[in-house]
Amino acid sequence: MRLPRVRRPRLPRTRAGRRRLVQAVMAGCVLALLPSTWMYVVTGDRLRTTADVPRTEVAVVFGAGLWDGEPSPYLAHRLDAAAKLYRENRIEVVLVTGDNSREDYDEPDAMRAYLTRHGVPDTRIVSDYAGFDTWDSCVRARKIFGVHKAVLISQGFHIRRAVSLCQAAGVSSYGIGVDAKHDATWYYGGTRELLAAGKAALDVVLRPDPRFLGPKEPGVTDALAAARH
């Protein structure tokens, strides 16, 4: 049986046609890069390190996966930065936000346990069990937990998107991009961010409700009040 021949796409034969093709490709590239450009503009003066970030009451740590029930190395680096800020009296409360959509997968509780092992009192940790993506975490930090200002902690390839989305959600934010080994996960994360930037721009424009919103929770307010007594 002879397979049908697949025709190769033909380039335009005329100079004008080739010029239009080049212009279309260039326009596509510009549009693809617009979301990333927007994030760089928004976060231009908002990125800091653990050494120079302004003192802020609340830090938000985003989930980054579990390995056998324990924080992945990437998530552990984020939590280490939060614990360091707490020990240096640079923050008072840590809001850990992650995925608990299944009974056998609980990022926030694993993050809480790690922080307590590294010197952060349990009473200073607040858990958001419905931080299914960055937009959801930012909106819930503002609407559910009443956070107006925060230090955000993530890896460098993600932190600009986190700051941009939290700023749009009403949380005045500084971001700390912690160091990470440039392994396959790092390169995957960096590549993924090119696509995630487009979704982030749509989230800011459309402002969808989080997958789960629910009632307001006083955890952050109570933890801050306890910190002052």
C-alpha atoms as a PDB file:
ATOM      1  CA  MET A   1       0.000   0.000   0.000  1.00  0.00           C
ATOM      2  CA  ARG A   2       1.453   3.310  -1.084  1.00  0.00           C
ATOM      3  CA  LEU A   3       1.311   6.042   1.524  1.00  0.00           C
ATOM      4  CA  PRO A   4       0.019   9.419   0.392  1.00  0.00           C
ATOM      5  CA  ARG A   5       2.719  11.944  -0.316  1.00  0.00           C
ATOM      6  CA  VAL A   6       2.910  14.815   2.143  1.00  0.00           C
ATOM      7  CA  ARG A   7       3.305  18.154   0.464  1.00  0.00           C
ATOM      8  CA  ARG A   8       5.955  20.405   1.878  1.00  0.00           C
ATOM      9  CA  PRO A   9       4.867  23.951   2.651  1.00  0.00           C
ATOM     10  CA  ARG A  10       5.949  26.305  -0.069  1.00  0.00           C
ATOM     11  CA  LEU A  11       7.556  29.634   0.627  1.00  0.00           C
ATOM     12  CA  PRO A  12       6.087  32.653  -1.147  1.00  0.00           C
ATOM     13  CA  ARG A  13       7.624  33.117  -4.581  1.00  0.00           C
ATOM     14  CA  THR A  14       7.357  36.884  -4.752  1.00  0.00           C
ATOM     15  CA  ARG A  15       9.482  39.364  -2.823  1.00  0.00           C
ATOM     16  CA  ALA A  16       6.340  40.972  -1.382  1.00  0.00           C
ATOM     17  CA  GLY A  17       5.056  37.590  -0.215  1.00  0.00           C
ATOM     18  CA  ARG A  18       8.337  36.749   1.492  1.00  0.00           C
ATOM     19  CA  ARG A  19       8.337  40.166   3.142  1.00  0.00           C
ATOM     20  CA  ARG A  20       4.822  39.599   4.517  1.00  0.00           C
ATOM     21  CA  LEU A  21       5.869  36.183   5.839  1.00  0.00           C
ATOM     22  CA  VAL A  22       8.866  37.675   7.656  1.00  0.00           C
ATOM     23  CA  GLN A  23       6.671  40.428   9.087  1.00  0.00           C
ATOM     24  CA  ALA A  24       4.140  37.868  10.317  1.00  0.00           C
ATOM     25  CA  VAL A  25       6.856  35.803  12.013  1.00  0.00           C
ATOM     26  CA  MET A  26       8.329  38.906  13.649  1.00  0.00           C
ATOM     27  CA  ALA A  27       4.896  40.024  14.859  1.00  0.00           C
ATOM     28  CA  GLY A  28       4.299  36.586  16.348  1.00  0.00           C
ATOM     29  CA  CYS A  29       7.621  36.718  18.183  1.00  0.00           C
ATOM     30  CA  VAL A  30       6.841  40.180  19.578  1.00  0.00           C
ATOM     31  CA  LEU A  31       3.416  39.074  20.796  1.00  0.00           C
ATOM     32  CA  ALA A  32       4.907  35.970  22.413  1.00  0.00           C
ATOM     33  CA  LEU A  33       7.433  38.081  24.322  1.00  0.00           C
ATOM     34  CA  LEU A  34       5.010  40.782  25.479  1.00  0.00           C
ATOM     35  CA  PRO A  35       3.901  38.965  28.674  1.00  0.00           C
ATOM     36  CA  SER A  36       7.517  38.378  29.744  1.00  0.00           C
ATOM     37  CA  THR A  37       8.357  42.007  29.007  1.00  0.00           C
ATOM     38  CA  TRP A  38       5.395  43.123  31.107  1.00  0.00           C
ATOM     39  CA  MET A  39       6.623  41.030  34.043  1.00  0.00           C
ATOM     40  CA  TYR A  40      10.122  42.505  33.839  1.00  0.00           C
ATOM     41  CA  VAL A  41       8.681  46.037  33.848  1.00  0.00           C
ATOM     42  CA  VAL A  42       6.369  45.369  36.821  1.00  0.00           C
ATOM     43  CA  THR A  43       9.087  43.716  38.912  1.00  0.00           C
ATOM     44  CA  GLY A  44      11.987  45.974  37.949  1.00  0.00           C
ATOM     45  CA  ASP A  45      12.567  47.331  41.471  1.00  0.00           C
ATOM     46  CA  ARG A  46      10.812  44.559  43.408  1.00  0.00           C
ATOM     47  CA  LEU A  47      13.413  41.797  43.536  1.00  0.00           C
ATOM     48  CA  ARG A  48      15.620  41.481  46.592  1.00  0.00           C
ATOM     49  CA  THR A  49      17.770  38.981  48.485  1.00  0.00           C
ATOM     50  CA  THR A  50      17.428  37.712  52.044  1.00  0.00           C
ATOM     51  CA  ALA A  51      20.105  40.259  52.963  1.00  0.00           C
ATOM     52  CA  ASP A  52      18.398  43.401  51.675  1.00  0.00           C
ATOM     53  CA  VAL A  53      14.667  42.722  51.535  1.00  0.00           C
ATOM     54  CA  PRO A  54      12.681  45.289  53.575  1.00  0.00           C
ATOM     55  CA  ARG A  55      11.346  44.060  56.894  1.00  0.00           C
ATOM     56  CA  THR A  56       7.801  42.836  56.282  1.00  0.00           C
ATOM     57  CA  GLU A  57       5.285  41.180  58.584  1.00  0.00           C
ATOM     58  CA  VAL A  58       4.342  38.316  56.256  1.00  0.00           C
ATOM     59  CA  ALA A  59       6.303  36.046  53.941  1.00  0.00           C
ATOM     60  CA  VAL A  60       4.525  33.862  51.380  1.00  0.00           C
ATOM     61  CA  VAL A  61       6.195  30.615  50.320  1.00  0.00           C
ATOM     62  CA  PHE A  62       4.801  28.907  47.221  1.00  0.00           C
ATOM     63  CA  GLY A  63       4.659  25.120  46.973  1.00  0.00           C
ATOM     64  CA  ALA A  64       7.098  23.339  44.651  1.00  0.00           C
ATOM     65  CA  GLY A  65       6.351  19.652  44.985  1.00  0.00           C
ATOM     66  CA  LEU A  66       6.942  16.850  47.470  1.00  0.00           C
ATOM     67  CA  TRP A  67       9.274  13.871  47.321  1.00  0.00           C
ATOM     68  CA  ASP A  68       7.979  10.953  49.392  1.00  0.00           C
ATOM     69  CA  GLY A  69       5.957  13.382  51.494  1.00  0.00           C
ATOM     70  CA  GLU A  70       8.855  15.746  52.138  1.00  0.00           C
ATOM     71  CA  PRO A  71       9.558  19.102  50.443  1.00  0.00           C
ATOM     72  CA  SER A  72      11.446  18.740  47.183  1.00  0.00           C
ATOM     73  CA  PRO A  73      14.945  20.280  47.124  1.00  0.00           C
ATOM     74  CA  TYR A  74      13.538  23.318  45.328  1.00  0.00           C
ATOM     75  CA  LEU A  75      10.831  23.778  47.941  1.00  0.00           C
ATOM     76  CA  ALA A  76      13.326  23.191  50.776  1.00  0.00           C
ATOM     77  CA  HIS A  77      15.453  26.086  49.472  1.00  0.00           C
ATOM     78  CA  ARG A  78      12.407  28.360  49.580  1.00  0.00           C
ATOM     79  CA  LEU A  79      11.588  27.289  53.129  1.00  0.00           C
ATOM     80  CA  ASP A  80      15.207  27.736  54.230  1.00  0.00           C
ATOM     81  CA  ALA A  81      15.024  31.358  53.059  1.00  0.00           C
ATOM     82  CA  ALA A  82      11.809  31.920  55.030  1.00  0.00           C
ATOM     83  CA  ALA A  83      13.306  30.360  58.166  1.00  0.00           C
ATOM     84  CA  LYS A  84      16.395  32.576  57.797  1.00  0.00           C
ATOM     85  CA  LEU A  85      14.235  35.703  57.537  1.00  0.00           C
ATOM     86  CA  TYR A  86      12.302  34.668  60.640  1.00  0.00           C
ATOM     87  CA  ARG A  87      15.436  33.974  62.685  1.00  0.00           C
ATOM     88  CA  GLU A  88      16.785  37.387  61.705  1.00  0.00           C
ATOM     89  CA  ASN A  89      13.521  39.062  62.779  1.00  0.00           C
ATOM     90  CA  ARG A  90      12.838  40.233  59.220  1.00  0.00           C
ATOM     91  CA  ILE A  91       9.371  38.647  59.112  1.00  0.00           C
ATOM     92  CA  GLU A  92       6.828  37.638  61.745  1.00  0.00           C
ATOM     93  CA  VAL A  93       4.529  35.149  60.003  1.00  0.00           C
ATOM     94  CA  VAL A  94       4.941  32.668  57.144  1.00  0.00           C
ATOM     95  CA  LEU A  95       1.994  31.859  54.888  1.00  0.00           C
ATOM     96  CA  VAL A  96       2.669  28.534  53.160  1.00  0.00           C
ATOM     97  CA  THR A  97       0.496  28.034  50.102  1.00  0.00           C
ATOM     98  CA  GLY A  98       0.279  24.855  48.090  1.00  0.00           C
ATOM     99  CA  ASP A  99      -1.709  21.913  46.795  1.00  0.00           C
ATOM    100  CA  ASN A 100      -3.815  19.689  49.034  1.00  0.00           C
ATOM    101  CA  SER A 101      -6.283  18.534  46.391  1.00  0.00           C
ATOM    102  CA  ARG A 102      -5.737  14.876  47.336  1.00  0.00           C
ATOM    103  CA  GLU A 103      -5.753  13.244  50.743  1.00  0.00           C
ATOM    104  CA  ASP A 104      -2.344  11.689  50.086  1.00  0.00           C
ATOM    105  CA  TYR A 105      -0.710  14.911  48.900  1.00  0.00           C
ATOM    106  CA  ASP A 106      -0.402  17.794  51.341  1.00  0.00           C
ATOM    107  CA  GLU A 107       2.145  20.478  50.475  1.00  0.00           C
ATOM    108  CA  PRO A 108       1.181  23.001  53.196  1.00  0.00           C
ATOM    109  CA  ASP A 109       1.486  20.526  56.079  1.00  0.00           C
ATOM    110  CA  ALA A 110       4.840  19.264  54.778  1.00  0.00           C
ATOM    111  CA  MET A 111       6.018  22.868  54.507  1.00  0.00           C
ATOM    112  CA  ARG A 112       4.811  23.615  58.045  1.00  0.00           C
ATOM    113  CA  ALA A 113       6.630  20.576  59.460  1.00  0.00           C
ATOM    114  CA  TYR A 114       9.854  21.567  57.695  1.00  0.00           C
ATOM    115  CA  LEU A 115       9.697  25.126  59.014  1.00  0.00           C
ATOM    116  CA  THR A 116       9.079  24.024  62.597  1.00  0.00           C
ATOM    117  CA  ARG A 117      12.130  21.742  62.351  1.00  0.00           C
ATOM    118  CA  HIS A 118      14.132  24.781  61.285  1.00  0.00           C
ATOM    119  CA  GLY A 119      13.173  27.087  64.107  1.00  0.00           C
ATOM    120  CA  VAL A 120       9.888  28.717  63.082  1.00  0.00           C
ATOM    121  CA  PRO A 121       7.221  28.282  65.793  1.00  0.00           C
ATOM    122  CA  ASP A 122       4.064  26.528  64.670  1.00  0.00           C
ATOM    123  CA  THR A 123       2.006  29.506  65.852  1.00  0.00           C
ATOM    124  CA  ARG A 124       3.790  31.725  63.312  1.00  0.00           C
ATOM    125  CA  ILE A 125       2.892  29.519  60.333  1.00  0.00           C
ATOM    126  CA  VAL A 126      -0.401  29.775  58.440  1.00  0.00           C
ATOM    127  CA  SER A 127      -1.464  27.212  55.848  1.00  0.00           C
ATOM    128  CA  ASP A 128      -3.322  27.832  52.606  1.00  0.00           C
ATOM    129  CA  TYR A 129      -4.459  24.435  51.354  1.00  0.00           C
ATOM    130  CA  ALA A 130      -5.911  25.716  48.077  1.00  0.00           C
ATOM    131  CA  GLY A 131      -2.908  27.389  46.465  1.00  0.00           C
ATOM    132  CA  PHE A 132      -3.316  25.374  43.280  1.00  0.00           C
ATOM    133  CA  ASP A 133      -1.430  27.877  41.134  1.00  0.00           C
ATOM    134  CA  THR A 134       0.297  31.215  41.557  1.00  0.00           C
ATOM    135  CA  TRP A 135      -2.756  33.338  40.734  1.00  0.00           C
ATOM    136  CA  ASP A 136      -4.921  31.388  43.176  1.00  0.00           C
ATOM    137  CA  SER A 137      -2.297  31.788  45.910  1.00  0.00           C
ATOM    138  CA  CYS A 138      -2.036  35.544  45.376  1.00  0.00           C
ATOM    139  CA  VAL A 139      -5.794  36.147  45.268  1.00  0.00           C
ATOM    140  CA  ARG A 140      -6.393  33.987  48.324  1.00  0.00           C
ATOM    141  CA  ALA A 141      -3.592  35.714  50.242  1.00  0.00           C
ATOM    142  CA  ARG A 142      -5.419  38.994  49.721  1.00  0.00           C
ATOM    143  CA  LYS A 143      -9.092  38.003  49.872  1.00  0.00           C
ATOM    144  CA  ILE A 144      -9.051  35.076  52.290  1.00  0.00           C
ATOM    145  CA  PHE A 145      -6.117  35.833  54.593  1.00  0.00           C
ATOM    146  CA  GLY A 146      -6.184  39.631  54.417  1.00  0.00           C
ATOM    147  CA  VAL A 147      -2.544  40.044  53.374  1.00  0.00           C
ATOM    148  CA  HIS A 148      -1.866  43.499  51.939  1.00  0.00           C
ATOM    149  CA  LYS A 149       1.934  43.392  51.897  1.00  0.00           C
ATOM    150  CA  ALA A 150       4.315  40.454  51.730  1.00  0.00           C
ATOM    151  CA  VAL A 151       7.719  39.072  50.860  1.00  0.00           C
ATOM    152  CA  LEU A 152       7.312  36.335  48.261  1.00  0.00           C
ATOM    153  CA  ILE A 153       9.790  33.461  48.151  1.00  0.00           C
ATOM    154  CA  SER A 154      10.368  31.216  45.161  1.00  0.00           C
ATOM    155  CA  GLN A 155      13.071  30.293  42.634  1.00  0.00           C
ATOM    156  CA  GLY A 156      14.479  32.920  40.313  1.00  0.00           C
ATOM    157  CA  PHE A 157      12.719  31.571  37.232  1.00  0.00           C
ATOM    158  CA  HIS A 158       9.303  31.928  38.958  1.00  0.00           C
ATOM    159  CA  ILE A 159       9.625  34.935  41.226  1.00  0.00           C
ATOM    160  CA  ARG A 160       8.890  37.625  38.624  1.00  0.00           C
ATOM    161  CA  ARG A 161       5.602  35.981  37.755  1.00  0.00           C
ATOM    162  CA  ALA A 162       4.728  35.602  41.435  1.00  0.00           C
ATOM    163  CA  VAL A 163       5.412  39.269  42.169  1.00  0.00           C
ATOM    164  CA  SER A 164       3.540  40.441  39.062  1.00  0.00           C
ATOM    165  CA  LEU A 165       0.451  38.397  39.908  1.00  0.00           C
ATOM    166  CA  CYS A 166       0.410  39.310  43.592  1.00  0.00           C
ATOM    167  CA  GLN A 167       0.806  42.983  42.735  1.00  0.00           C
ATOM    168  CA  ALA A 168      -2.184  42.660  40.399  1.00  0.00           C
ATOM    169  CA  ALA A 169      -4.150  40.839  43.110  1.00  0.00           C
ATOM    170  CA  GLY A 170      -3.633  43.709  45.552  1.00  0.00           C
ATOM    171  CA  VAL A 171      -0.674  42.407  47.564  1.00  0.00           C
ATOM    172  CA  SER A 172       2.223  44.873  47.583  1.00  0.00           C
ATOM    173  CA  SER A 173       5.151  42.521  47.157  1.00  0.00           C
ATOM    174  CA  TYR A 174       8.892  42.141  47.176  1.00  0.00           C
ATOM    175  CA  GLY A 175      10.285  38.930  45.762  1.00  0.00           C
ATOM    176  CA  ILE A 176      13.230  36.771  46.748  1.00  0.00           C
ATOM    177  CA  GLY A 177      14.460  34.373  44.090  1.00  0.00           C
ATOM    178  CA  VAL A 178      16.462  31.754  45.957  1.00  0.00           C
ATOM    179  CA  ASP A 179      19.438  30.001  44.390  1.00  0.00           C
ATOM    180  CA  ALA A 180      18.883  26.695  42.652  1.00  0.00           C
ATOM    181  CA  LYS A 181      21.074  24.121  40.959  1.00  0.00           C
ATOM    182  CA  HIS A 182      20.882  24.479  37.189  1.00  0.00           C
ATOM    183  CA  ASP A 183      19.687  20.938  36.580  1.00  0.00           C
ATOM    184  CA  ALA A 184      16.989  19.541  34.273  1.00  0.00           C
ATOM    185  CA  THR A 185      14.262  20.818  36.621  1.00  0.00           C
ATOM    186  CA  TRP A 186      15.671  24.339  36.517  1.00  0.00           C
ATOM    187  CA  TYR A 187      15.793  24.389  32.721  1.00  0.00           C
ATOM    188  CA  TYR A 188      12.308  22.932  32.533  1.00  0.00           C
ATOM    189  CA  GLY A 189      11.057  25.600  34.931  1.00  0.00           C
ATOM    190  CA  GLY A 190      12.654  28.383  32.924  1.00  0.00           C
ATOM    191  CA  THR A 191      11.153  27.095  29.677  1.00  0.00           C
ATOM    192  CA  ARG A 192       7.762  26.616  31.285  1.00  0.00           C
ATOM    193  CA  GLU A 193       7.770  30.225  32.422  1.00  0.00           C
ATOM    194  CA  LEU A 194       7.645  31.413  28.807  1.00  0.00           C
ATOM    195  CA  LEU A 195       4.234  29.764  28.474  1.00  0.00           C
ATOM    196  CA  ALA A 196       3.149  30.585  32.022  1.00  0.00           C
ATOM    197  CA  ALA A 197       3.794  34.275  31.351  1.00  0.00           C
ATOM    198  CA  GLY A 198       0.991  34.246  28.792  1.00  0.00           C
ATOM    199  CA  LYS A 199      -1.421  32.678  31.271  1.00  0.00           C
ATOM    200  CA  ALA A 200      -0.349  35.206  33.899  1.00  0.00           C
ATOM    201  CA  ALA A 201      -1.183  38.080  31.558  1.00  0.00           C
ATOM    202  CA  LEU A 202      -4.612  36.561  30.911  1.00  0.00           C
ATOM    203  CA  ASP A 203      -5.183  36.115  34.652  1.00  0.00           C
ATOM    204  CA  VAL A 204      -4.450  39.798  35.223  1.00  0.00           C
ATOM    205  CA  VAL A 205      -6.790  40.857  32.408  1.00  0.00           C
ATOM    206  CA  LEU A 206      -9.646  38.416  33.101  1.00  0.00           C
ATOM    207  CA  ARG A 207      -9.160  38.148  36.901  1.00  0.00           C
ATOM    208  CA  PRO A 208     -10.740  34.699  37.292  1.00  0.00           C
ATOM    209  CA  ASP A 209     -11.824  33.513  40.717  1.00  0.00           C
ATOM    210  CA  PRO A 210      -9.535  30.904  42.282  1.00  0.00           C
ATOM    211  CA  ARG A 211     -10.540  27.267  41.889  1.00  0.00           C
ATOM    212  CA  PHE A 212     -11.600  27.424  45.531  1.00  0.00           C
ATOM    213  CA  LEU A 213     -12.201  30.695  47.349  1.00  0.00           C
ATOM    214  CA  GLY A 214     -14.220  29.953  50.477  1.00  0.00           C
ATOM    215  CA  PRO A 215     -14.741  32.102  53.581  1.00  0.00           C
ATOM    216  CA  LYS A 216     -12.219  34.494  55.055  1.00  0.00           C
ATOM    217  CA  GLU A 217      -9.728  32.977  57.493  1.00  0.00           C
ATOM    218  CA  PRO A 218      -8.194  34.857  60.459  1.00  0.00           C
ATOM    219  CA  GLY A 219      -4.986  32.813  60.550  1.00  0.00           C
ATOM    220  CA  VAL A 220      -2.595  35.579  59.536  1.00  0.00           C
ATOM    221  CA  THR A 221      -4.288  38.208  61.702  1.00  0.00           C
ATOM    222  CA  ASP A 222      -4.253  35.873  64.728  1.00  0.00           C
ATOM    223  CA  ALA A 223      -0.618  34.908  64.167  1.00  0.00           C
ATOM    224  CA  LEU A 224       0.441  38.557  63.946  1.00  0.00           C
ATOM    225  CA  ALA A 225      -1.517  39.373  67.106  1.00  0.00           C
ATOM    226  CA  ALA A 226       0.185  36.490  68.934  1.00  0.00           C
ATOM    227  CA  ALA A 227       3.564  37.742  67.751  1.00  0.00           C
ATOM    228  CA  ARG A 228       2.994  41.039  69.533  1.00  0.00           C
ATOM    229  CA  HIS A 229       2.235  39.494  72.922  1.00  0.00           C
END
